[in-house]
N, C-alpha and C. Protein backbone atom coordinates (compact mmCIF):
# COMPACT_ATOMS: atom_id res chain seq x y z
N MET A 1 105.38 109.95 74.18
CA MET A 1 106.31 108.91 74.55
C MET A 1 107.26 109.44 75.62
N LEU A 2 107.38 108.68 76.70
CA LEU A 2 108.25 109.09 77.79
C LEU A 2 109.71 108.73 77.49
N PRO A 3 110.64 109.58 77.90
CA PRO A 3 112.07 109.25 77.75
C PRO A 3 112.41 107.98 78.54
N ASP A 4 113.41 107.26 78.09
CA ASP A 4 113.79 106.00 78.72
C ASP A 4 114.17 106.17 80.20
N GLU A 5 114.85 107.26 80.52
CA GLU A 5 115.26 107.45 81.92
C GLU A 5 114.06 107.69 82.84
N VAL A 6 113.02 108.31 82.32
CA VAL A 6 111.79 108.52 83.10
C VAL A 6 111.09 107.18 83.31
N LYS A 7 111.04 106.38 82.26
CA LYS A 7 110.43 105.05 82.37
C LYS A 7 111.17 104.21 83.40
N GLU A 8 112.50 104.27 83.34
CA GLU A 8 113.30 103.47 84.27
C GLU A 8 113.10 103.94 85.71
N LEU A 9 113.06 105.24 85.93
CA LEU A 9 112.82 105.78 87.27
C LEU A 9 111.46 105.34 87.79
N SER A 10 110.47 105.43 86.95
CA SER A 10 109.12 105.03 87.34
C SER A 10 109.08 103.54 87.68
N ARG A 11 109.70 102.71 86.86
CA ARG A 11 109.76 101.27 87.12
C ARG A 11 110.47 100.97 88.44
N LEU A 12 111.59 101.65 88.67
CA LEU A 12 112.36 101.44 89.90
C LEU A 12 111.52 101.78 91.13
N ARG A 13 110.83 102.89 91.08
CA ARG A 13 110.00 103.30 92.21
C ARG A 13 108.84 102.32 92.43
N LEU A 14 108.28 101.82 91.34
CA LEU A 14 107.19 100.84 91.47
C LEU A 14 107.72 99.53 92.05
N GLU A 15 108.89 99.12 91.64
CA GLU A 15 109.49 97.90 92.22
C GLU A 15 109.78 98.09 93.70
N ASN A 16 110.24 99.29 94.08
CA ASN A 16 110.44 99.59 95.50
C ASN A 16 109.12 99.48 96.26
N ALA A 17 108.06 99.98 95.66
CA ALA A 17 106.73 99.90 96.28
C ALA A 17 106.33 98.45 96.50
N LYS A 18 106.55 97.62 95.51
CA LYS A 18 106.19 96.20 95.62
C LYS A 18 107.03 95.50 96.68
N SER A 19 108.29 95.85 96.76
CA SER A 19 109.18 95.28 97.77
C SER A 19 108.72 95.66 99.18
N LEU A 20 108.34 96.91 99.35
CA LEU A 20 107.84 97.37 100.65
C LEU A 20 106.53 96.67 101.01
N LEU A 21 105.71 96.42 100.02
CA LEU A 21 104.46 95.70 100.24
C LEU A 21 104.76 94.28 100.74
N SER A 22 105.73 93.65 100.14
CA SER A 22 106.14 92.32 100.56
C SER A 22 106.67 92.35 102.01
N SER A 23 107.44 93.36 102.32
CA SER A 23 107.94 93.51 103.70
C SER A 23 106.78 93.67 104.68
N SER A 24 105.78 94.44 104.28
CA SER A 24 104.62 94.64 105.14
C SER A 24 103.94 93.30 105.44
N GLU A 25 103.80 92.47 104.43
CA GLU A 25 103.19 91.14 104.62
C GLU A 25 104.00 90.29 105.59
N LYS A 26 105.31 90.30 105.43
CA LYS A 26 106.17 89.50 106.31
C LYS A 26 106.12 89.99 107.75
N LEU A 27 106.02 91.29 107.93
CA LEU A 27 105.95 91.84 109.28
C LEU A 27 104.65 91.45 109.98
N ILE A 28 103.57 91.31 109.23
CA ILE A 28 102.32 90.82 109.82
C ILE A 28 102.52 89.40 110.34
N GLU A 29 103.20 88.59 109.56
CA GLU A 29 103.42 87.18 109.92
C GLU A 29 104.17 87.04 111.24
N ILE A 30 105.05 87.98 111.55
CA ILE A 30 105.79 87.90 112.81
C ILE A 30 105.17 88.75 113.92
N GLY A 31 104.02 89.35 113.63
CA GLY A 31 103.29 90.10 114.65
C GLY A 31 103.75 91.52 114.87
N ASP A 32 104.55 92.06 113.97
CA ASP A 32 105.03 93.45 114.10
C ASP A 32 104.09 94.35 113.30
N TYR A 33 102.94 94.65 113.88
CA TYR A 33 101.87 95.35 113.17
C TYR A 33 102.19 96.82 112.91
N LYS A 34 102.83 97.47 113.87
CA LYS A 34 103.19 98.88 113.64
C LYS A 34 104.15 99.02 112.47
N SER A 35 105.16 98.18 112.42
CA SER A 35 106.12 98.24 111.32
C SER A 35 105.47 97.87 110.00
N SER A 36 104.52 96.94 110.04
CA SER A 36 103.80 96.56 108.83
C SER A 36 103.01 97.75 108.29
N ALA A 37 102.35 98.49 109.18
CA ALA A 37 101.60 99.67 108.76
C ALA A 37 102.54 100.71 108.14
N ASN A 38 103.71 100.86 108.72
CA ASN A 38 104.70 101.79 108.19
C ASN A 38 105.11 101.39 106.77
N ARG A 39 105.41 100.12 106.57
CA ARG A 39 105.84 99.64 105.26
C ARG A 39 104.72 99.73 104.23
N ALA A 40 103.47 99.50 104.65
CA ALA A 40 102.33 99.62 103.73
C ALA A 40 102.20 101.07 103.25
N TYR A 41 102.35 102.01 104.18
CA TYR A 41 102.29 103.42 103.78
C TYR A 41 103.43 103.76 102.80
N PHE A 42 104.64 103.36 103.14
CA PHE A 42 105.75 103.70 102.27
C PHE A 42 105.66 103.00 100.91
N ALA A 43 104.96 101.89 100.87
CA ALA A 43 104.71 101.23 99.57
C ALA A 43 103.88 102.15 98.69
N ILE A 44 102.79 102.70 99.23
CA ILE A 44 101.96 103.58 98.39
C ILE A 44 102.68 104.90 98.12
N PHE A 45 103.50 105.34 99.06
CA PHE A 45 104.28 106.56 98.85
C PHE A 45 105.19 106.39 97.63
N ASN A 46 105.87 105.26 97.56
CA ASN A 46 106.74 104.99 96.41
C ASN A 46 105.94 104.82 95.13
N ALA A 47 104.75 104.26 95.23
CA ALA A 47 103.88 104.13 94.05
C ALA A 47 103.45 105.51 93.55
N MET A 48 103.14 106.41 94.47
CA MET A 48 102.80 107.78 94.06
C MET A 48 103.99 108.43 93.35
N ARG A 49 105.18 108.24 93.89
CA ARG A 49 106.38 108.82 93.27
C ARG A 49 106.64 108.20 91.90
N ALA A 50 106.29 106.92 91.73
CA ALA A 50 106.46 106.27 90.42
C ALA A 50 105.58 106.95 89.38
N VAL A 51 104.34 107.24 89.75
CA VAL A 51 103.42 107.90 88.82
C VAL A 51 103.86 109.35 88.58
N LEU A 52 104.24 110.04 89.63
CA LEU A 52 104.66 111.43 89.49
C LEU A 52 105.90 111.58 88.61
N ALA A 53 106.74 110.56 88.59
CA ALA A 53 107.93 110.62 87.72
C ALA A 53 107.54 110.79 86.26
N THR A 54 106.39 110.26 85.89
CA THR A 54 105.96 110.34 84.48
C THR A 54 105.59 111.75 84.06
N VAL A 55 105.38 112.62 85.05
CA VAL A 55 105.07 114.02 84.73
C VAL A 55 106.16 114.96 85.26
N GLY A 56 107.29 114.37 85.64
CA GLY A 56 108.43 115.17 86.06
C GLY A 56 108.30 115.85 87.40
N ILE A 57 107.54 115.26 88.30
CA ILE A 57 107.34 115.87 89.61
C ILE A 57 107.92 114.98 90.69
N ASP A 58 108.61 115.60 91.65
CA ASP A 58 109.06 114.94 92.87
C ASP A 58 109.09 116.00 93.97
N ASN A 59 109.14 115.56 95.20
CA ASN A 59 109.15 116.48 96.32
C ASN A 59 109.80 115.78 97.49
N LYS A 60 110.46 116.52 98.34
CA LYS A 60 111.11 115.94 99.51
C LYS A 60 110.14 115.72 100.66
N LYS A 61 109.00 116.37 100.61
CA LYS A 61 108.02 116.27 101.70
C LYS A 61 106.87 115.34 101.30
N HIS A 62 106.42 114.58 102.29
CA HIS A 62 105.28 113.69 102.05
C HIS A 62 104.06 114.48 101.60
N SER A 63 103.83 115.60 102.25
CA SER A 63 102.66 116.41 101.90
C SER A 63 102.74 116.89 100.46
N GLY A 64 103.94 117.19 99.98
CA GLY A 64 104.12 117.63 98.60
C GLY A 64 103.83 116.52 97.61
N ILE A 65 104.27 115.31 97.91
CA ILE A 65 104.01 114.16 97.05
C ILE A 65 102.51 113.87 97.01
N ILE A 66 101.90 113.85 98.17
CA ILE A 66 100.46 113.55 98.25
C ILE A 66 99.66 114.60 97.50
N SER A 67 99.96 115.86 97.73
CA SER A 67 99.26 116.95 97.07
C SER A 67 99.41 116.88 95.55
N ALA A 68 100.64 116.69 95.09
CA ALA A 68 100.89 116.62 93.65
C ALA A 68 100.20 115.41 93.02
N PHE A 69 100.20 114.28 93.71
CA PHE A 69 99.53 113.08 93.20
C PHE A 69 98.03 113.34 93.06
N ARG A 70 97.44 113.90 94.10
CA ARG A 70 96.00 114.17 94.04
C ARG A 70 95.67 115.17 92.94
N LEU A 71 96.46 116.21 92.83
CA LEU A 71 96.21 117.24 91.83
C LEU A 71 96.35 116.72 90.41
N ASN A 72 97.40 115.95 90.16
CA ASN A 72 97.72 115.52 88.80
C ASN A 72 97.05 114.22 88.36
N PHE A 73 96.57 113.42 89.32
CA PHE A 73 96.04 112.12 88.92
C PHE A 73 94.65 111.79 89.48
N ILE A 74 94.29 112.37 90.60
CA ILE A 74 92.96 112.11 91.17
C ILE A 74 91.97 113.17 90.71
N LYS A 75 92.35 114.42 90.87
CA LYS A 75 91.45 115.53 90.56
C LYS A 75 91.01 115.54 89.10
N ASN A 76 91.88 115.10 88.21
CA ASN A 76 91.53 115.10 86.78
C ASN A 76 91.06 113.73 86.30
N ASN A 77 90.75 112.84 87.25
CA ASN A 77 90.16 111.52 86.97
C ASN A 77 91.04 110.56 86.19
N LYS A 78 92.34 110.75 86.22
CA LYS A 78 93.22 109.75 85.61
C LYS A 78 93.25 108.48 86.45
N LEU A 79 93.11 108.67 87.76
CA LEU A 79 93.04 107.54 88.69
C LEU A 79 91.83 107.72 89.60
N ASP A 80 91.33 106.62 90.11
CA ASP A 80 90.10 106.61 90.90
C ASP A 80 90.25 107.37 92.22
N ILE A 81 89.21 108.05 92.59
CA ILE A 81 89.20 108.87 93.81
C ILE A 81 89.37 108.04 95.08
N THR A 82 89.05 106.76 95.03
CA THR A 82 89.23 105.92 96.22
C THR A 82 90.70 105.87 96.65
N LEU A 83 91.61 106.10 95.72
CA LEU A 83 93.03 106.12 96.07
C LEU A 83 93.32 107.26 97.05
N SER A 84 92.61 108.35 96.92
CA SER A 84 92.81 109.48 97.83
C SER A 84 92.44 109.10 99.26
N ASP A 85 91.36 108.37 99.41
CA ASP A 85 90.95 107.91 100.75
C ASP A 85 91.97 106.94 101.34
N ILE A 86 92.52 106.09 100.49
CA ILE A 86 93.55 105.14 100.94
C ILE A 86 94.78 105.89 101.43
N ILE A 87 95.18 106.93 100.69
CA ILE A 87 96.33 107.73 101.11
C ILE A 87 96.09 108.32 102.50
N THR A 88 94.94 108.93 102.67
CA THR A 88 94.60 109.56 103.95
C THR A 88 94.67 108.56 105.09
N ASP A 89 94.05 107.41 104.87
CA ASP A 89 93.98 106.40 105.91
C ASP A 89 95.36 105.83 106.25
N LEU A 90 96.11 105.44 105.23
CA LEU A 90 97.43 104.87 105.50
C LEU A 90 98.39 105.88 106.10
N PHE A 91 98.30 107.13 105.66
CA PHE A 91 99.16 108.17 106.23
C PHE A 91 98.85 108.37 107.71
N GLN A 92 97.57 108.40 108.04
CA GLN A 92 97.16 108.60 109.44
C GLN A 92 97.62 107.44 110.32
N VAL A 93 97.41 106.23 109.86
CA VAL A 93 97.81 105.05 110.64
C VAL A 93 99.32 104.99 110.78
N ARG A 94 100.04 105.27 109.70
CA ARG A 94 101.50 105.26 109.75
C ARG A 94 102.01 106.32 110.73
N THR A 95 101.43 107.50 110.71
CA THR A 95 101.85 108.56 111.62
C THR A 95 101.61 108.15 113.07
N GLU A 96 100.43 107.61 113.33
CA GLU A 96 100.13 107.15 114.70
C GLU A 96 101.09 106.02 115.11
N SER A 97 101.31 105.08 114.22
CA SER A 97 102.19 103.95 114.52
C SER A 97 103.61 104.39 114.80
N ASP A 98 104.08 105.38 114.05
CA ASP A 98 105.46 105.82 114.19
C ASP A 98 105.69 106.78 115.35
N TYR A 99 104.72 107.61 115.66
CA TYR A 99 104.97 108.70 116.60
C TYR A 99 104.17 108.66 117.90
N ASN A 100 103.16 107.82 117.98
CA ASN A 100 102.37 107.72 119.20
C ASN A 100 102.76 106.45 119.94
N ASP A 101 103.48 106.62 121.02
CA ASP A 101 103.98 105.47 121.77
C ASP A 101 102.86 104.54 122.24
N PHE A 102 101.69 105.08 122.47
CA PHE A 102 100.60 104.29 123.01
C PHE A 102 99.61 103.78 121.96
N TYR A 103 99.89 104.06 120.71
CA TYR A 103 99.00 103.61 119.64
C TYR A 103 99.14 102.10 119.46
N VAL A 104 98.00 101.44 119.38
CA VAL A 104 97.97 100.00 119.17
C VAL A 104 97.16 99.74 117.91
N ILE A 105 97.74 98.99 116.99
CA ILE A 105 97.03 98.61 115.79
C ILE A 105 96.82 97.10 115.84
N SER A 106 95.61 96.70 115.57
CA SER A 106 95.30 95.27 115.62
C SER A 106 95.71 94.57 114.34
N LYS A 107 95.77 93.27 114.41
CA LYS A 107 96.08 92.47 113.23
C LYS A 107 95.03 92.71 112.15
N THR A 108 93.77 92.78 112.54
CA THR A 108 92.68 93.03 111.59
C THR A 108 92.87 94.36 110.88
N GLU A 109 93.21 95.39 111.65
CA GLU A 109 93.42 96.72 111.07
C GLU A 109 94.59 96.74 110.10
N VAL A 110 95.69 96.12 110.47
CA VAL A 110 96.86 96.17 109.61
C VAL A 110 96.65 95.31 108.36
N ILE A 111 95.88 94.26 108.47
CA ILE A 111 95.55 93.46 107.28
C ILE A 111 94.72 94.31 106.31
N GLN A 112 93.83 95.13 106.84
CA GLN A 112 93.04 96.03 105.99
C GLN A 112 93.95 97.08 105.33
N GLN A 113 94.91 97.59 106.10
CA GLN A 113 95.87 98.54 105.54
C GLN A 113 96.64 97.91 104.39
N LEU A 114 97.07 96.68 104.60
CA LEU A 114 97.81 95.96 103.56
C LEU A 114 96.95 95.73 102.33
N SER A 115 95.71 95.36 102.54
CA SER A 115 94.78 95.15 101.42
C SER A 115 94.59 96.44 100.63
N ASN A 116 94.43 97.55 101.32
CA ASN A 116 94.29 98.84 100.65
C ASN A 116 95.56 99.20 99.87
N ALA A 117 96.71 98.93 100.46
CA ALA A 117 97.97 99.23 99.79
C ALA A 117 98.12 98.37 98.53
N LYS A 118 97.72 97.11 98.61
CA LYS A 118 97.78 96.23 97.43
C LYS A 118 96.89 96.77 96.32
N PHE A 119 95.67 97.18 96.67
CA PHE A 119 94.75 97.75 95.69
C PHE A 119 95.37 98.99 95.05
N PHE A 120 95.93 99.85 95.87
CA PHE A 120 96.57 101.08 95.40
C PHE A 120 97.69 100.76 94.40
N ILE A 121 98.57 99.86 94.78
CA ILE A 121 99.72 99.54 93.93
C ILE A 121 99.28 98.83 92.66
N ASN A 122 98.30 97.95 92.75
CA ASN A 122 97.79 97.29 91.55
C ASN A 122 97.17 98.30 90.59
N THR A 123 96.46 99.28 91.13
CA THR A 123 95.86 100.32 90.30
C THR A 123 96.94 101.15 89.61
N VAL A 124 97.95 101.55 90.37
CA VAL A 124 99.05 102.32 89.82
C VAL A 124 99.82 101.50 88.78
N ASP A 125 100.04 100.24 89.08
CA ASP A 125 100.75 99.36 88.15
C ASP A 125 100.00 99.26 86.82
N SER A 126 98.70 99.10 86.89
CA SER A 126 97.89 99.04 85.66
C SER A 126 97.98 100.34 84.88
N TYR A 127 97.89 101.45 85.59
CA TYR A 127 97.98 102.76 84.94
C TYR A 127 99.34 102.93 84.26
N LEU A 128 100.40 102.61 85.00
CA LEU A 128 101.74 102.78 84.46
C LEU A 128 102.02 101.86 83.28
N SER A 129 101.38 100.71 83.26
CA SER A 129 101.61 99.79 82.14
C SER A 129 101.16 100.38 80.81
N THR A 130 100.28 101.36 80.86
CA THR A 130 99.86 102.03 79.63
C THR A 130 100.86 103.11 79.20
N LEU A 131 101.75 103.50 80.13
CA LEU A 131 102.70 104.58 79.85
C LEU A 131 104.13 104.11 79.66
N ILE A 132 104.51 103.10 80.42
CA ILE A 132 105.90 102.64 80.38
C ILE A 132 105.91 101.23 79.90
């Protein structure tokens, strides 16, 4: 049984993830595809942190969160390996969108990013519902 404060932290992070996902959808509607890709990535980032809270892990670096998530939840088959591919893809697109001035992401591509982020968050939400 998880302590109440851990459950609350996990819930808060998952709600943040869902809010970011909603922002990503709205940004697509106004044609801001780079920002939408950024929000989709941060949605899954917060979902990873929500799951990691259940095992008492956090990190200030994205690489640390990703590594800990893969080690504690993908490698031991608690969560599906396809989530690892989604992390890689969204991280790469977000990095290009944020730091490459000439990077162009199409509406089709960002809709796929959003779809992957939704799948990721729904999977995490289902998993967390068994714990919190």
